[in-house]
């Protein structure tokens, strides 16, 4: 969709080695897509550098009900880097973004809406900056590992009658 709209200024970098990587690479090559790059697996220590150069992180999940309950690590990595997430799930992540921001929900299987979201992020820098701030806030206020561990310890202590 991006290439069809002449948006060669938006590049998608696919990091990872999922089950469908080979098929996606073949399809991208057959379609003559010049705006997508497949990096494969990168060391976890290199991921922050990739995220800091990104305008957003993409979280594309198949439209299967059980996937609405997923909590992908890549989303939390993006939040920690202050990078907004564009995602396609219908579950708790959609509700989180509606309530607290930090990302954009697009309908699954709607490439035009997905392209629209990426174009808006590219063109509307103030909006992107606001989403970035919201993503950072989510990382620190809701998903900080130390804070979550303290909540769990407190809950366990209460359950054990110790607090």
C-alpha atoms as a PDB file:
ATOM      1  CA  UNK A   1       0.000   0.000   0.000  1.00  0.00           C
ATOM      2  CA  UNK A   2       2.774   2.445   0.868  1.00  0.00           C
ATOM      3  CA  UNK A   3       4.640   1.842  -2.352  1.00  0.00           C
ATOM      4  CA  UNK A   4       1.404   2.028  -4.377  1.00  0.00           C
ATOM      5  CA  UNK A   5       0.806   5.458  -2.830  1.00  0.00           C
ATOM      6  CA  UNK A   6       4.302   6.574  -3.794  1.00  0.00           C
ATOM      7  CA  UNK A   7       5.489   6.673  -0.176  1.00  0.00           C
ATOM      8  CA  UNK A   8       9.084   5.628  -0.638  1.00  0.00           C
ATOM      9  CA  UNK A   9       9.981   7.750   2.399  1.00  0.00           C
ATOM     10  CA  UNK A  10       8.521   5.122   4.743  1.00  0.00           C
ATOM     11  CA  UNK A  11      10.649   2.029   5.183  1.00  0.00           C
ATOM     12  CA  UNK A  12       9.664  -1.092   7.089  1.00  0.00           C
ATOM     13  CA  UNK A  13      12.404  -3.064   8.801  1.00  0.00           C
ATOM     14  CA  UNK A  14      11.388  -6.564   9.836  1.00  0.00           C
ATOM     15  CA  UNK A  15      13.464  -7.863  12.732  1.00  0.00           C
ATOM     16  CA  UNK A  16      13.135 -11.466  13.789  1.00  0.00           C
ATOM     17  CA  UNK A  17      12.906 -14.900  12.351  1.00  0.00           C
ATOM     18  CA  UNK A  18       9.266 -15.943  12.585  1.00  0.00           C
ATOM     19  CA  UNK A  19       7.726 -18.946  10.886  1.00  0.00           C
ATOM     20  CA  UNK A  20       6.554 -16.920   7.883  1.00  0.00           C
ATOM     21  CA  UNK A  21       9.702 -14.906   7.273  1.00  0.00           C
ATOM     22  CA  UNK A  22      10.703 -16.891   4.177  1.00  0.00           C
ATOM     23  CA  UNK A  23       7.251 -16.584   2.636  1.00  0.00           C
ATOM     24  CA  UNK A  24       7.155 -12.856   3.380  1.00  0.00           C
ATOM     25  CA  UNK A  25      10.554 -12.325   1.795  1.00  0.00           C
ATOM     26  CA  UNK A  26       9.460 -14.174  -1.349  1.00  0.00           C
ATOM     27  CA  UNK A  27       6.202 -12.205  -1.550  1.00  0.00           C
ATOM     28  CA  UNK A  28       8.018  -8.887  -1.053  1.00  0.00           C
ATOM     29  CA  UNK A  29      10.542  -9.775  -3.749  1.00  0.00           C
ATOM     30  CA  UNK A  30       7.809 -10.916  -6.171  1.00  0.00           C
ATOM     31  CA  UNK A  31       5.868  -7.696  -5.576  1.00  0.00           C
ATOM     32  CA  UNK A  32       9.001  -5.628  -6.172  1.00  0.00           C
ATOM     33  CA  UNK A  33       8.765  -3.939  -2.778  1.00  0.00           C
ATOM     34  CA  UNK A  34      11.738  -1.651  -2.281  1.00  0.00           C
ATOM     35  CA  UNK A  35      10.581  -0.245   1.076  1.00  0.00           C
ATOM     36  CA  UNK A  36      10.930  -3.378   3.207  1.00  0.00           C
ATOM     37  CA  UNK A  37      14.071  -4.866   4.696  1.00  0.00           C
ATOM     38  CA  UNK A  38      14.355  -8.235   6.438  1.00  0.00           C
ATOM     39  CA  UNK A  39      17.069  -8.229   9.114  1.00  0.00           C
ATOM     40  CA  UNK A  40      16.443 -11.619  10.685  1.00  0.00           C
ATOM     41  CA  UNK A  41      17.453 -12.178  14.265  1.00  0.00           C
ATOM     42  CA  UNK A  42      19.466  -9.438  15.932  1.00  0.00           C
ATOM     43  CA  UNK A  43      21.076  -9.635  19.366  1.00  0.00           C
ATOM     44  CA  UNK A  44      18.739  -8.389  22.113  1.00  0.00           C
ATOM     45  CA  UNK A  45      21.420  -5.832  23.000  1.00  0.00           C
ATOM     46  CA  UNK A  46      21.091  -4.291  19.500  1.00  0.00           C
ATOM     47  CA  UNK A  47      17.319  -3.883  19.714  1.00  0.00           C
ATOM     48  CA  UNK A  48      17.316  -0.540  21.603  1.00  0.00           C
ATOM     49  CA  UNK A  49      19.385   1.028  18.822  1.00  0.00           C
ATOM     50  CA  UNK A  50      16.910  -0.137  16.199  1.00  0.00           C
ATOM     51  CA  UNK A  51      13.972   1.111  18.241  1.00  0.00           C
ATOM     52  CA  UNK A  52      15.500   4.535  18.855  1.00  0.00           C
ATOM     53  CA  UNK A  53      15.805   5.024  15.085  1.00  0.00           C
ATOM     54  CA  UNK A  54      12.201   3.974  14.478  1.00  0.00           C
ATOM     55  CA  UNK A  55       9.152   6.204  14.159  1.00  0.00           C
ATOM     56  CA  UNK A  56       7.010   3.326  15.423  1.00  0.00           C
ATOM     57  CA  UNK A  57       6.956  -0.381  16.125  1.00  0.00           C
ATOM     58  CA  UNK A  58       4.580  -2.680  14.287  1.00  0.00           C
ATOM     59  CA  UNK A  59       2.630  -5.364  16.084  1.00  0.00           C
ATOM     60  CA  UNK A  60       0.699  -7.354  13.519  1.00  0.00           C
ATOM     61  CA  UNK A  61      -1.247 -10.270  14.913  1.00  0.00           C
ATOM     62  CA  UNK A  62      -3.626 -12.556  13.050  1.00  0.00           C
ATOM     63  CA  UNK A  63      -7.295 -11.925  13.736  1.00  0.00           C
ATOM     64  CA  UNK A  64      -7.754 -15.014  15.921  1.00  0.00           C
ATOM     65  CA  UNK A  65      -9.612 -14.533  19.234  1.00  0.00           C
ATOM     66  CA  UNK A  66      -6.911 -16.113  21.401  1.00  0.00           C
ATOM     67  CA  UNK A  67      -4.366 -13.629  20.011  1.00  0.00           C
ATOM     68  CA  UNK A  68      -6.334 -10.795  21.610  1.00  0.00           C
ATOM     69  CA  UNK A  69      -4.917 -11.937  24.940  1.00  0.00           C
ATOM     70  CA  UNK A  70      -1.251 -11.846  23.875  1.00  0.00           C
ATOM     71  CA  UNK A  71       1.344  -9.639  25.562  1.00  0.00           C
ATOM     72  CA  UNK A  72       4.252  -9.470  23.106  1.00  0.00           C
ATOM     73  CA  UNK A  73       7.653  -8.521  24.497  1.00  0.00           C
ATOM     74  CA  UNK A  74       8.263  -6.287  21.472  1.00  0.00           C
ATOM     75  CA  UNK A  75       5.495  -3.955  22.635  1.00  0.00           C
ATOM     76  CA  UNK A  76       7.094  -3.469  26.051  1.00  0.00           C
ATOM     77  CA  UNK A  77      10.495  -2.931  24.406  1.00  0.00           C
ATOM     78  CA  UNK A  78       8.938  -0.218  22.238  1.00  0.00           C
ATOM     79  CA  UNK A  79       7.317   1.447  25.261  1.00  0.00           C
ATOM     80  CA  UNK A  80      10.647   1.474  27.109  1.00  0.00           C
ATOM     81  CA  UNK A  81      12.239   3.198  24.102  1.00  0.00           C
ATOM     82  CA  UNK A  82       9.382   5.705  23.873  1.00  0.00           C
ATOM     83  CA  UNK A  83       8.294   4.350  20.506  1.00  0.00           C
ATOM     84  CA  UNK A  84       4.581   4.257  19.659  1.00  0.00           C
ATOM     85  CA  UNK A  85       3.111   0.940  18.551  1.00  0.00           C
ATOM     86  CA  UNK A  86       0.818   0.368  15.574  1.00  0.00           C
ATOM     87  CA  UNK A  87      -1.084  -2.861  16.225  1.00  0.00           C
ATOM     88  CA  UNK A  88      -3.926  -4.996  14.946  1.00  0.00           C
ATOM     89  CA  UNK A  89      -5.216  -6.806  18.024  1.00  0.00           C
ATOM     90  CA  UNK A  90      -8.743  -6.482  19.404  1.00  0.00           C
ATOM     91  CA  UNK A  91      -8.103  -7.296  23.052  1.00  0.00           C
ATOM     92  CA  UNK A  92      -6.498  -5.654  26.045  1.00  0.00           C
ATOM     93  CA  UNK A  93      -3.901  -3.745  23.988  1.00  0.00           C
ATOM     94  CA  UNK A  94      -6.660  -1.995  22.034  1.00  0.00           C
ATOM     95  CA  UNK A  95      -8.327  -1.016  25.327  1.00  0.00           C
ATOM     96  CA  UNK A  96      -4.996   0.163  26.769  1.00  0.00           C
ATOM     97  CA  UNK A  97      -4.324   2.445  23.797  1.00  0.00           C
ATOM     98  CA  UNK A  98      -7.871   3.832  23.898  1.00  0.00           C
ATOM     99  CA  UNK A  99      -7.427   4.645  27.589  1.00  0.00           C
ATOM    100  CA  UNK A 100      -3.767   5.655  27.903  1.00  0.00           C
ATOM    101  CA  UNK A 101      -2.444   6.241  24.395  1.00  0.00           C
ATOM    102  CA  UNK A 102       1.014   5.113  23.371  1.00  0.00           C
ATOM    103  CA  UNK A 103      -0.106   3.498  20.152  1.00  0.00           C
ATOM    104  CA  UNK A 104      -2.565   3.156  17.333  1.00  0.00           C
ATOM    105  CA  UNK A 105      -5.088   0.405  16.744  1.00  0.00           C
ATOM    106  CA  UNK A 106      -5.870  -0.464  13.143  1.00  0.00           C
ATOM    107  CA  UNK A 107      -8.360  -3.102  12.043  1.00  0.00           C
ATOM    108  CA  UNK A 108      -6.799  -6.454  11.267  1.00  0.00           C
ATOM    109  CA  UNK A 109      -6.587  -7.300   7.576  1.00  0.00           C
ATOM    110  CA  UNK A 110      -7.005  -3.647   6.532  1.00  0.00           C
ATOM    111  CA  UNK A 111      -3.803  -2.641   4.729  1.00  0.00           C
ATOM    112  CA  UNK A 112      -5.200   0.769   3.784  1.00  0.00           C
ATOM    113  CA  UNK A 113      -5.836   1.682   7.432  1.00  0.00           C
ATOM    114  CA  UNK A 114      -2.386   0.396   8.329  1.00  0.00           C
ATOM    115  CA  UNK A 115      -0.799   2.534   5.610  1.00  0.00           C
ATOM    116  CA  UNK A 116      -2.871   5.540   6.733  1.00  0.00           C
ATOM    117  CA  UNK A 117      -1.533   5.150  10.295  1.00  0.00           C
ATOM    118  CA  UNK A 118       2.087   4.948   9.116  1.00  0.00           C
ATOM    119  CA  UNK A 119       1.682   7.965   6.863  1.00  0.00           C
ATOM    120  CA  UNK A 120       0.102  10.012   9.642  1.00  0.00           C
ATOM    121  CA  UNK A 121       2.948   9.084  12.007  1.00  0.00           C
ATOM    122  CA  UNK A 122       5.449  10.185   9.372  1.00  0.00           C
ATOM    123  CA  UNK A 123       3.720  13.469   8.581  1.00  0.00           C
ATOM    124  CA  UNK A 124       2.297  14.542  11.960  1.00  0.00           C
ATOM    125  CA  UNK A 125       5.391  14.869  14.123  1.00  0.00           C
ATOM    126  CA  UNK A 126       3.501  16.503  17.012  1.00  0.00           C
ATOM    127  CA  UNK A 127       1.077  13.572  17.180  1.00  0.00           C
ATOM    128  CA  UNK A 128       3.943  11.113  17.007  1.00  0.00           C
ATOM    129  CA  UNK A 129       5.738  12.991  19.817  1.00  0.00           C
ATOM    130  CA  UNK A 130       2.603  12.795  21.983  1.00  0.00           C
ATOM    131  CA  UNK A 131       2.279   9.053  21.361  1.00  0.00           C
ATOM    132  CA  UNK A 132       5.977   8.650  22.202  1.00  0.00           C
ATOM    133  CA  UNK A 133       5.506  10.427  25.526  1.00  0.00           C
ATOM    134  CA  UNK A 134       2.501   8.232  26.281  1.00  0.00           C
ATOM    135  CA  UNK A 135       4.509   5.089  25.431  1.00  0.00           C
ATOM    136  CA  UNK A 136       7.300   6.152  27.819  1.00  0.00           C
ATOM    137  CA  UNK A 137       4.745   6.903  30.517  1.00  0.00           C
ATOM    138  CA  UNK A 138       3.194   3.447  30.088  1.00  0.00           C
ATOM    139  CA  UNK A 139       6.644   1.886  30.440  1.00  0.00           C
ATOM    140  CA  UNK A 140       7.385   3.678  33.688  1.00  0.00           C
ATOM    141  CA  UNK A 141       3.962   3.870  35.319  1.00  0.00           C
ATOM    142  CA  UNK A 142       2.348   0.574  34.331  1.00  0.00           C
ATOM    143  CA  UNK A 143       4.989  -1.853  33.126  1.00  0.00           C
ATOM    144  CA  UNK A 144       8.126  -1.101  35.124  1.00  0.00           C
ATOM    145  CA  UNK A 145       9.558  -4.457  36.233  1.00  0.00           C
ATOM    146  CA  UNK A 146      10.445  -3.270  39.740  1.00  0.00           C
ATOM    147  CA  UNK A 147       7.006  -1.738  40.247  1.00  0.00           C
ATOM    148  CA  UNK A 148       5.257  -4.865  39.004  1.00  0.00           C
ATOM    149  CA  UNK A 149       7.431  -7.052  41.245  1.00  0.00           C
ATOM    150  CA  UNK A 150       6.576  -4.883  44.260  1.00  0.00           C
ATOM    151  CA  UNK A 151       2.858  -5.183  43.474  1.00  0.00           C
ATOM    152  CA  UNK A 152       3.196  -8.944  43.212  1.00  0.00           C
ATOM    153  CA  UNK A 153       5.106  -9.200  46.513  1.00  0.00           C
ATOM    154  CA  UNK A 154       2.473  -7.059  48.186  1.00  0.00           C
ATOM    155  CA  UNK A 155      -0.357  -9.180  46.773  1.00  0.00           C
ATOM    156  CA  UNK A 156       1.338 -12.401  47.851  1.00  0.00           C
ATOM    157  CA  UNK A 157       1.937 -11.010  51.333  1.00  0.00           C
ATOM    158  CA  UNK A 158      -1.736 -10.025  51.643  1.00  0.00           C
ATOM    159  CA  UNK A 159      -2.828 -13.453  50.388  1.00  0.00           C
ATOM    160  CA  UNK A 160      -0.586 -15.098  52.960  1.00  0.00           C
ATOM    161  CA  UNK A 161      -1.981 -12.852  55.713  1.00  0.00           C
ATOM    162  CA  UNK A 162       1.338 -11.052  56.147  1.00  0.00           C
ATOM    163  CA  UNK A 163       0.405  -7.637  54.958  1.00  0.00           C
END
